[in-house]
Amino acid sequence: MSSAALSRFREKLRTALADGVFVKLTLSEPQAAEPGLRNVYARCVEVRGERQMSLVWRYATRDVTKNLPIDQAVENLDALTNGTFSKAHLFT
């Protein structure tokens, strides 16, 4: 992604979360990722009464799920969109 497109995507992600219209996010086409990593999926969940984001790293043979506070999950997504994945799809 170009830096302008990446900035626009990050802004739209933060706006969707703030406005409550975020549904899910898919990162695909890994560039310089871990071997076997195919996608990362994100969606909002409620854990013990607290709104969090569930991130699922999908590998060829396993999935790794982490439920993180929204701010921390957005930081992780920022890092993943900065060179690890070439495509990002935001669903609202």
PDB file of N, CA and C in Angstrom:
ATOM      1  N   MET A   1       0.839  -1.181   0.000  1.00  0.00           N
ATOM      2  CA  MET A   1       0.000   0.000   0.000  1.00  0.00           C
ATOM      3  C   MET A   1       0.882   1.241   0.000  1.00  0.00           C
ATOM      4  N   SER A   2       0.442   2.255  -0.693  1.00  0.00           N
ATOM      5  CA  SER A   2       1.168   3.522  -0.665  1.00  0.00           C
ATOM      6  C   SER A   2       0.949   4.191   0.691  1.00  0.00           C
ATOM      7  N   SER A   3       1.802   5.119   1.035  1.00  0.00           N
ATOM      8  CA  SER A   3       1.676   5.779   2.339  1.00  0.00           C
ATOM      9  C   SER A   3       0.384   6.573   2.449  1.00  0.00           C
ATOM     10  N   ALA A   4      -0.079   7.179   1.346  1.00  0.00           N
ATOM     11  CA  ALA A   4      -1.348   7.916   1.374  1.00  0.00           C
ATOM     12  C   ALA A   4      -2.517   6.966   1.586  1.00  0.00           C
ATOM     13  N   ALA A   5      -2.494   5.845   0.895  1.00  0.00           N
ATOM     14  CA  ALA A   5      -3.570   4.859   1.048  1.00  0.00           C
ATOM     15  C   ALA A   5      -3.552   4.270   2.457  1.00  0.00           C
ATOM     16  N   LEU A   6      -2.370   4.031   2.986  1.00  0.00           N
ATOM     17  CA  LEU A   6      -2.239   3.490   4.328  1.00  0.00           C
ATOM     18  C   LEU A   6      -2.758   4.474   5.370  1.00  0.00           C
ATOM     19  N   SER A   7      -2.442   5.725   5.232  1.00  0.00           N
ATOM     20  CA  SER A   7      -2.945   6.752   6.158  1.00  0.00           C
ATOM     21  C   SER A   7      -4.460   6.856   6.090  1.00  0.00           C
ATOM     22  N   ARG A   8      -5.001   6.820   4.875  1.00  0.00           N
ATOM     23  CA  ARG A   8      -6.455   6.890   4.705  1.00  0.00           C
ATOM     24  C   ARG A   8      -7.138   5.674   5.322  1.00  0.00           C
ATOM     25  N   PHE A   9      -6.545   4.487   5.132  1.00  0.00           N
ATOM     26  CA  PHE A   9      -7.110   3.272   5.709  1.00  0.00           C
ATOM     27  C   PHE A   9      -7.125   3.352   7.232  1.00  0.00           C
ATOM     28  N   ARG A  10      -6.014   3.762   7.817  1.00  0.00           N
ATOM     29  CA  ARG A  10      -5.930   3.859   9.278  1.00  0.00           C
ATOM     30  C   ARG A  10      -6.936   4.856   9.830  1.00  0.00           C
ATOM     31  N   GLU A  11      -7.120   5.962   9.126  1.00  0.00           N
ATOM     32  CA  GLU A  11      -8.110   6.964   9.548  1.00  0.00           C
ATOM     33  C   GLU A  11      -9.518   6.380   9.491  1.00  0.00           C
ATOM     34  N   LYS A  12      -9.829   5.665   8.410  1.00  0.00           N
ATOM     35  CA  LYS A  12     -11.156   5.057   8.272  1.00  0.00           C
ATOM     36  C   LYS A  12     -11.398   3.989   9.334  1.00  0.00           C
ATOM     37  N   LEU A  13     -10.360   3.226   9.691  1.00  0.00           N
ATOM     38  CA  LEU A  13     -10.488   2.222  10.751  1.00  0.00           C
ATOM     39  C   LEU A  13     -10.816   2.886  12.080  1.00  0.00           C
ATOM     40  N   ARG A  14     -10.078   3.922  12.425  1.00  0.00           N
ATOM     41  CA  ARG A  14     -10.328   4.615  13.695  1.00  0.00           C
ATOM     42  C   ARG A  14     -11.711   5.270  13.724  1.00  0.00           C
ATOM     43  N   THR A  15     -12.128   5.840  12.602  1.00  0.00           N
ATOM     44  CA  THR A  15     -13.455   6.456  12.521  1.00  0.00           C
ATOM     45  C   THR A  15     -14.545   5.405  12.671  1.00  0.00           C
ATOM     46  N   ALA A  16     -14.392   4.268  11.997  1.00  0.00           N
ATOM     47  CA  ALA A  16     -15.388   3.191  12.088  1.00  0.00           C
ATOM     48  C   ALA A  16     -15.513   2.680  13.513  1.00  0.00           C
ATOM     49  N   LEU A  17     -14.390   2.537  14.215  1.00  0.00           N
ATOM     50  CA  LEU A  17     -14.429   2.092  15.605  1.00  0.00           C
ATOM     51  C   LEU A  17     -15.089   3.135  16.499  1.00  0.00           C
ATOM     52  N   ALA A  18     -14.750   4.401  16.301  1.00  0.00           N
ATOM     53  CA  ALA A  18     -15.322   5.475  17.120  1.00  0.00           C
ATOM     54  C   ALA A  18     -16.814   5.636  16.888  1.00  0.00           C
ATOM     55  N   ASP A  19     -17.252   5.447  15.646  1.00  0.00           N
ATOM     56  CA  ASP A  19     -18.667   5.615  15.301  1.00  0.00           C
ATOM     57  C   ASP A  19     -19.500   4.367  15.578  1.00  0.00           C
ATOM     58  N   GLY A  20     -18.847   3.258  15.925  1.00  0.00           N
ATOM     59  CA  GLY A  20     -19.567   2.030  16.222  1.00  0.00           C
ATOM     60  C   GLY A  20     -20.069   1.286  14.995  1.00  0.00           C
ATOM     61  N   VAL A  21     -19.468   1.538  13.826  1.00  0.00           N
ATOM     62  CA  VAL A  21     -19.923   0.876  12.602  1.00  0.00           C
ATOM     63  C   VAL A  21     -18.933  -0.186  12.115  1.00  0.00           C
ATOM     64  N   PHE A  22     -17.863  -0.414  12.858  1.00  0.00           N
ATOM     65  CA  PHE A  22     -16.882  -1.432  12.494  1.00  0.00           C
ATOM     66  C   PHE A  22     -17.526  -2.807  12.584  1.00  0.00           C
ATOM     67  N   VAL A  23     -17.367  -3.616  11.526  1.00  0.00           N
ATOM     68  CA  VAL A  23     -17.872  -4.986  11.524  1.00  0.00           C
ATOM     69  C   VAL A  23     -16.713  -5.972  11.604  1.00  0.00           C
ATOM     70  N   LYS A  24     -15.781  -5.883  10.668  1.00  0.00           N
ATOM     71  CA  LYS A  24     -14.612  -6.758  10.679  1.00  0.00           C
ATOM     72  C   LYS A  24     -13.535  -6.195   9.769  1.00  0.00           C
ATOM     73  N   LEU A  25     -12.369  -6.819   9.835  1.00  0.00           N
ATOM     74  CA  LEU A  25     -11.221  -6.393   9.046  1.00  0.00           C
ATOM     75  C   LEU A  25     -10.478  -7.640   8.602  1.00  0.00           C
ATOM     76  N   THR A  26     -10.013  -7.636   7.365  1.00  0.00           N
ATOM     77  CA  THR A  26      -9.225  -8.743   6.841  1.00  0.00           C
ATOM     78  C   THR A  26      -7.943  -8.203   6.238  1.00  0.00           C
ATOM     79  N   LEU A  27      -6.810  -8.757   6.653  1.00  0.00           N
ATOM     80  CA  LEU A  27      -5.521  -8.457   6.043  1.00  0.00           C
ATOM     81  C   LEU A  27      -5.098  -9.687   5.253  1.00  0.00           C
ATOM     82  N   SER A  28      -4.655  -9.477   4.015  1.00  0.00           N
ATOM     83  CA  SER A  28      -4.287 -10.614   3.173  1.00  0.00           C
ATOM     84  C   SER A  28      -3.054 -10.293   2.334  1.00  0.00           C
ATOM     85  N   GLU A  29      -2.590 -11.294   1.627  1.00  0.00           N
ATOM     86  CA  GLU A  29      -1.388 -11.229   0.794  1.00  0.00           C
ATOM     87  C   GLU A  29      -0.166 -10.777   1.594  1.00  0.00           C
ATOM     88  N   PRO A  30       0.291 -11.658   2.497  1.00  0.00           N
ATOM     89  CA  PRO A  30       1.473 -11.315   3.297  1.00  0.00           C
ATOM     90  C   PRO A  30       2.709 -11.141   2.426  1.00  0.00           C
ATOM     91  N   GLN A  31       3.521 -10.164   2.761  1.00  0.00           N
ATOM     92  CA  GLN A  31       4.748  -9.868   2.013  1.00  0.00           C
ATOM     93  C   GLN A  31       5.968 -10.422   2.734  1.00  0.00           C
ATOM     94  N   ALA A  32       6.229  -9.930   3.900  1.00  0.00           N
ATOM     95  CA  ALA A  32       7.413 -10.344   4.664  1.00  0.00           C
ATOM     96  C   ALA A  32       6.957 -10.869   6.012  1.00  0.00           C
ATOM     97  N   ALA A  33       6.162 -11.900   5.966  1.00  0.00           N
ATOM     98  CA  ALA A  33       5.558 -12.405   7.199  1.00  0.00           C
ATOM     99  C   ALA A  33       6.198 -13.721   7.623  1.00  0.00           C
ATOM    100  N   GLU A  34       5.695 -14.223   8.711  1.00  0.00           N
ATOM    101  CA  GLU A  34       6.140 -15.511   9.212  1.00  0.00           C
ATOM    102  C   GLU A  34       5.764 -16.611   8.221  1.00  0.00           C
ATOM    103  N   PRO A  35       6.547 -17.669   8.144  1.00  0.00           N
ATOM    104  CA  PRO A  35       6.220 -18.766   7.227  1.00  0.00           C
ATOM    105  C   PRO A  35       4.842 -19.359   7.538  1.00  0.00           C
ATOM    106  N   GLY A  36       4.045 -19.556   6.516  1.00  0.00           N
ATOM    107  CA  GLY A  36       2.723 -20.150   6.671  1.00  0.00           C
ATOM    108  C   GLY A  36       1.612 -19.176   7.007  1.00  0.00           C
ATOM    109  N   LEU A  37       1.933 -17.927   7.321  1.00  0.00           N
ATOM    110  CA  LEU A  37       0.904 -16.942   7.657  1.00  0.00           C
ATOM    111  C   LEU A  37       0.151 -16.551   6.398  1.00  0.00           C
ATOM    112  N   ARG A  38      -1.181 -16.661   6.448  1.00  0.00           N
ATOM    113  CA  ARG A  38      -2.010 -16.363   5.277  1.00  0.00           C
ATOM    114  C   ARG A  38      -2.816 -15.077   5.429  1.00  0.00           C
ATOM    115  N   ASN A  39      -3.472 -14.921   6.569  1.00  0.00           N
ATOM    116  CA  ASN A  39      -4.364 -13.786   6.789  1.00  0.00           C
ATOM    117  C   ASN A  39      -4.352 -13.405   8.259  1.00  0.00           C
ATOM    118  N   VAL A  40      -4.850 -12.204   8.517  1.00  0.00           N
ATOM    119  CA  VAL A  40      -5.196 -11.791   9.871  1.00  0.00           C
ATOM    120  C   VAL A  40      -6.611 -11.237   9.795  1.00  0.00           C
ATOM    121  N   TYR A  41      -7.456 -11.710  10.705  1.00  0.00           N
ATOM    122  CA  TYR A  41      -8.839 -11.257  10.769  1.00  0.00           C
ATOM    123  C   TYR A  41      -9.058 -10.529  12.090  1.00  0.00           C
ATOM    124  N   ALA A  42      -9.878  -9.490  12.082  1.00  0.00           N
ATOM    125  CA  ALA A  42     -10.190  -8.736  13.297  1.00  0.00           C
ATOM    126  C   ALA A  42     -11.690  -8.504  13.382  1.00  0.00           C
ATOM    127  N   ARG A  43     -12.218  -8.607  14.606  1.00  0.00           N
ATOM    128  CA  ARG A  43     -13.615  -8.285  14.862  1.00  0.00           C
ATOM    129  C   ARG A  43     -13.743  -7.880  16.318  1.00  0.00           C
ATOM    130  N   CYS A  44     -14.778  -7.149  16.625  1.00  0.00           N
ATOM    131  CA  CYS A  44     -15.002  -6.722  18.008  1.00  0.00           C
ATOM    132  C   CYS A  44     -15.757  -7.806  18.762  1.00  0.00           C
ATOM    133  N   VAL A  45     -15.356  -8.009  20.001  1.00  0.00           N
ATOM    134  CA  VAL A  45     -16.005  -8.972  20.883  1.00  0.00           C
ATOM    135  C   VAL A  45     -16.163  -8.336  22.256  1.00  0.00           C
ATOM    136  N   GLU A  46     -16.999  -8.952  23.071  1.00  0.00           N
ATOM    137  CA  GLU A  46     -17.143  -8.490  24.444  1.00  0.00           C
ATOM    138  C   GLU A  46     -16.612  -9.589  25.359  1.00  0.00           C
ATOM    139  N   VAL A  47     -15.613  -9.237  26.162  1.00  0.00           N
ATOM    140  CA  VAL A  47     -14.992 -10.184  27.075  1.00  0.00           C
ATOM    141  C   VAL A  47     -15.154  -9.654  28.489  1.00  0.00           C
ATOM    142  N   ARG A  48     -15.887 -10.396  29.296  1.00  0.00           N
ATOM    143  CA  ARG A  48     -16.152  -9.992  30.691  1.00  0.00           C
ATOM    144  C   ARG A  48     -16.698  -8.575  30.767  1.00  0.00           C
ATOM    145  N   GLY A  49     -17.619  -8.269  29.883  1.00  0.00           N
ATOM    146  CA  GLY A  49     -18.279  -6.971  29.892  1.00  0.00           C
ATOM    147  C   GLY A  49     -17.473  -5.838  29.291  1.00  0.00           C
ATOM    148  N   GLU A  50     -16.304  -6.137  28.748  1.00  0.00           N
ATOM    149  CA  GLU A  50     -15.443  -5.105  28.163  1.00  0.00           C
ATOM    150  C   GLU A  50     -15.321  -5.325  26.665  1.00  0.00           C
ATOM    151  N   ARG A  51     -15.476  -4.246  25.890  1.00  0.00           N
ATOM    152  CA  ARG A  51     -15.334  -4.320  24.436  1.00  0.00           C
ATOM    153  C   ARG A  51     -13.860  -4.470  24.080  1.00  0.00           C
ATOM    154  N   GLN A  52     -13.555  -5.518  23.327  1.00  0.00           N
ATOM    155  CA  GLN A  52     -12.193  -5.773  22.887  1.00  0.00           C
ATOM    156  C   GLN A  52     -12.211  -6.139  21.412  1.00  0.00           C
ATOM    157  N   MET A  53     -11.024  -6.289  20.859  1.00  0.00           N
ATOM    158  CA  MET A  53     -10.916  -6.723  19.471  1.00  0.00           C
ATOM    159  C   MET A  53     -10.236  -8.083  19.458  1.00  0.00           C
ATOM    160  N   SER A  54     -10.844  -9.001  18.746  1.00  0.00           N
ATOM    161  CA  SER A  54     -10.291 -10.332  18.582  1.00  0.00           C
ATOM    162  C   SER A  54      -9.501 -10.358  17.277  1.00  0.00           C
ATOM    163  N   LEU A  55      -8.199 -10.655  17.366  1.00  0.00           N
ATOM    164  CA  LEU A  55      -7.338 -10.769  16.192  1.00  0.00           C
ATOM    165  C   LEU A  55      -7.002 -12.242  15.996  1.00  0.00           C
ATOM    166  N   VAL A  56      -7.209 -12.735  14.783  1.00  0.00           N
ATOM    167  CA  VAL A  56      -6.927 -14.134  14.464  1.00  0.00           C
ATOM    168  C   VAL A  56      -5.877 -14.169  13.365  1.00  0.00           C
ATOM    169  N   TRP A  57      -4.700 -14.726  13.707  1.00  0.00           N
ATOM    170  CA  TRP A  57      -3.649 -14.947  12.718  1.00  0.00           C
ATOM    171  C   TRP A  57      -3.903 -16.326  12.134  1.00  0.00           C
ATOM    172  N   ARG A  58      -4.199 -16.397  10.844  1.00  0.00           N
ATOM    173  CA  ARG A  58      -4.486 -17.678  10.201  1.00  0.00           C
ATOM    174  C   ARG A  58      -3.242 -18.166   9.475  1.00  0.00           C
ATOM    175  N   TYR A  59      -2.736 -19.304   9.942  1.00  0.00           N
ATOM    176  CA  TYR A  59      -1.583 -19.957   9.329  1.00  0.00           C
ATOM    177  C   TYR A  59      -2.070 -21.149   8.513  1.00  0.00           C
ATOM    178  N   ALA A  60      -1.181 -21.753   7.767  1.00  0.00           N
ATOM    179  CA  ALA A  60      -1.534 -22.906   6.940  1.00  0.00           C
ATOM    180  C   ALA A  60      -2.052 -24.065   7.786  1.00  0.00           C
ATOM    181  N   THR A  61      -1.522 -24.244   8.998  1.00  0.00           N
ATOM    182  CA  THR A  61      -1.890 -25.411   9.805  1.00  0.00           C
ATOM    183  C   THR A  61      -2.529 -25.083  11.149  1.00  0.00           C
ATOM    184  N   ARG A  62      -2.663 -23.799  11.489  1.00  0.00           N
ATOM    185  CA  ARG A  62      -3.242 -23.446  12.793  1.00  0.00           C
ATOM    186  C   ARG A  62      -3.729 -22.006  12.779  1.00  0.00           C
ATOM    187  N   ASP A  63      -4.522 -21.666  13.772  1.00  0.00           N
ATOM    188  CA  ASP A  63      -4.957 -20.296  13.998  1.00  0.00           C
ATOM    189  C   ASP A  63      -4.478 -19.863  15.377  1.00  0.00           C
ATOM    190  N   VAL A  64      -4.111 -18.587  15.501  1.00  0.00           N
ATOM    191  CA  VAL A  64      -3.718 -18.011  16.781  1.00  0.00           C
ATOM    192  C   VAL A  64      -4.637 -16.823  17.030  1.00  0.00           C
ATOM    193  N   THR A  65      -5.360 -16.856  18.152  1.00  0.00           N
ATOM    194  CA  THR A  65      -6.318 -15.806  18.483  1.00  0.00           C
ATOM    195  C   THR A  65      -5.854 -15.041  19.705  1.00  0.00           C
ATOM    196  N   LYS A  66      -5.949 -13.709  19.621  1.00  0.00           N
ATOM    197  CA  LYS A  66      -5.640 -12.852  20.764  1.00  0.00           C
ATOM    198  C   LYS A  66      -6.764 -11.836  20.903  1.00  0.00           C
ATOM    199  N   ASN A  67      -7.313 -11.724  22.103  1.00  0.00           N
ATOM    200  CA  ASN A  67      -8.298 -10.700  22.411  1.00  0.00           C
ATOM    201  C   ASN A  67      -7.569  -9.575  23.130  1.00  0.00           C
ATOM    202  N   LEU A  68      -7.608  -8.390  22.516  1.00  0.00           N
ATOM    203  CA  LEU A  68      -6.852  -7.255  23.021  1.00  0.00           C
ATOM    204  C   LEU A  68      -7.759  -6.044  23.209  1.00  0.00           C
ATOM    205  N   PRO A  69      -7.381  -5.127  24.122  1.00  0.00           N
ATOM    206  CA  PRO A  69      -8.100  -3.855  24.190  1.00  0.00           C
ATOM    207  C   PRO A  69      -8.030  -3.165  22.825  1.00  0.00           C
ATOM    208  N   ILE A  70      -9.034  -2.384  22.494  1.00  0.00           N
ATOM    209  CA  ILE A  70      -9.149  -1.771  21.171  1.00  0.00           C
ATOM    210  C   ILE A  70      -7.888  -0.995  20.790  1.00  0.00           C
ATOM    211  N   ASP A  71      -7.392  -0.152  21.683  1.00  0.00           N
ATOM    212  CA  ASP A  71      -6.205   0.664  21.367  1.00  0.00           C
ATOM    213  C   ASP A  71      -4.988  -0.193  21.048  1.00  0.00           C
ATOM    214  N   GLN A  72      -4.781  -1.237  21.825  1.00  0.00           N
ATOM    215  CA  GLN A  72      -3.647  -2.119  21.600  1.00  0.00           C
ATOM    216  C   GLN A  72      -3.819  -2.903  20.295  1.00  0.00           C
ATOM    217  N   ALA A  73      -5.029  -3.325  19.992  1.00  0.00           N
ATOM    218  CA  ALA A  73      -5.290  -4.042  18.745  1.00  0.00           C
ATOM    219  C   ALA A  73      -5.050  -3.148  17.532  1.00  0.00           C
ATOM    220  N   VAL A  74      -5.456  -1.887  17.627  1.00  0.00           N
ATOM    221  CA  VAL A  74      -5.229  -0.951  16.519  1.00  0.00           C
ATOM    222  C   VAL A  74      -3.738  -0.737  16.310  1.00  0.00           C
ATOM    223  N   GLU A  75      -2.974  -0.665  17.383  1.00  0.00           N
ATOM    224  CA  GLU A  75      -1.508  -0.551  17.256  1.00  0.00           C
ATOM    225  C   GLU A  75      -0.936  -1.767  16.532  1.00  0.00           C
ATOM    226  N   ASN A  76      -1.412  -2.963  16.884  1.00  0.00           N
ATOM    227  CA  ASN A  76      -0.957  -4.182  16.204  1.00  0.00           C
ATOM    228  C   ASN A  76      -1.342  -4.154  14.727  1.00  0.00           C
ATOM    229  N   LEU A  77      -2.554  -3.700  14.422  1.00  0.00           N
ATOM    230  CA  LEU A  77      -2.995  -3.627  13.022  1.00  0.00           C
ATOM    231  C   LEU A  77      -2.170  -2.604  12.247  1.00  0.00           C
ATOM    232  N   ASP A  78      -1.825  -1.487  12.890  1.00  0.00           N
ATOM    233  CA  ASP A  78      -0.960  -0.498  12.240  1.00  0.00           C
ATOM    234  C   ASP A  78       0.372  -1.132  11.847  1.00  0.00           C
ATOM    235  N   ALA A  79       0.941  -1.895  12.756  1.00  0.00           N
ATOM    236  CA  ALA A  79       2.221  -2.551  12.475  1.00  0.00           C
ATOM    237  C   ALA A  79       2.079  -3.579  11.356  1.00  0.00           C
ATOM    238  N   LEU A  80       0.977  -4.323  11.353  1.00  0.00           N
ATOM    239  CA  LEU A  80       0.767  -5.353  10.332  1.00  0.00           C
ATOM    240  C   LEU A  80       0.527  -4.759   8.946  1.00  0.00           C
ATOM    241  N   THR A  81      -0.095  -3.587   8.885  1.00  0.00           N
ATOM    242  CA  THR A  81      -0.348  -2.957   7.586  1.00  0.00           C
ATOM    243  C   THR A  81       0.871  -2.200   7.081  1.00  0.00           C
ATOM    244  N   ASN A  82       1.885  -2.070   7.910  1.00  0.00           N
ATOM    245  CA  ASN A  82       3.093  -1.355   7.526  1.00  0.00           C
ATOM    246  C   ASN A  82       4.135  -2.314   6.953  1.00  0.00           C
ATOM    247  N   GLY A  83       3.800  -2.981   5.848  1.00  0.00           N
ATOM    248  CA  GLY A  83       4.755  -3.832   5.167  1.00  0.00           C
ATOM    249  C   GLY A  83       4.536  -5.318   5.270  1.00  0.00           C
ATOM    250  N   THR A  84       3.799  -5.784   6.281  1.00  0.00           N
ATOM    251  CA  THR A  84       3.590  -7.222   6.421  1.00  0.00           C
ATOM    252  C   THR A  84       2.557  -7.733   5.424  1.00  0.00           C
ATOM    253  N   PHE A  85       1.460  -6.998   5.269  1.00  0.00           N
ATOM    254  CA  PHE A  85       0.390  -7.394   4.347  1.00  0.00           C
ATOM    255  C   PHE A  85       0.203  -6.324   3.282  1.00  0.00           C
ATOM    256  N   SER A  86      -0.120  -6.756   2.068  1.00  0.00           N
ATOM    257  CA  SER A  86      -0.294  -5.786   0.986  1.00  0.00           C
ATOM    258  C   SER A  86      -1.758  -5.399   0.767  1.00  0.00           C
ATOM    259  N   LYS A  87      -2.710  -6.171   1.312  1.00  0.00           N
ATOM    260  CA  LYS A  87      -4.122  -5.837   1.149  1.00  0.00           C
ATOM    261  C   LYS A  87      -4.821  -5.804   2.487  1.00  0.00           C
ATOM    262  N   ALA A  88      -5.719  -4.834   2.634  1.00  0.00           N
ATOM    263  CA  ALA A  88      -6.523  -4.700   3.843  1.00  0.00           C
ATOM    264  C   ALA A  88      -7.948  -4.361   3.422  1.00  0.00           C
ATOM    265  N   HIS A  89      -8.904  -5.070   3.998  1.00  0.00           N
ATOM    266  CA  HIS A  89     -10.325  -4.858   3.698  1.00  0.00           C
ATOM    267  C   HIS A  89     -11.045  -4.535   4.993  1.00  0.00           C
ATOM    268  N   LEU A  90     -11.677  -3.368   5.025  1.00  0.00           N
ATOM    269  CA  LEU A  90     -12.423  -2.909   6.190  1.00  0.00           C
ATOM    270  C   LEU A  90     -13.909  -3.025   5.884  1.00  0.00           C
ATOM    271  N   PHE A  91     -14.640  -3.737   6.742  1.00  0.00           N
ATOM    272  CA  PHE A  91     -16.082  -3.911   6.564  1.00  0.00           C
ATOM    273  C   PHE A  91     -16.806  -3.102   7.626  1.00  0.00           C
ATOM    274  N   THR A  92     -17.744  -2.274   7.190  1.00  0.00           N
ATOM    275  CA  THR A  92     -18.538  -1.468   8.137  1.00  0.00           C
ATOM    276  C   THR A  92     -20.004  -1.711   7.913  1.00  0.00           C
TER     277      THR A  92
END
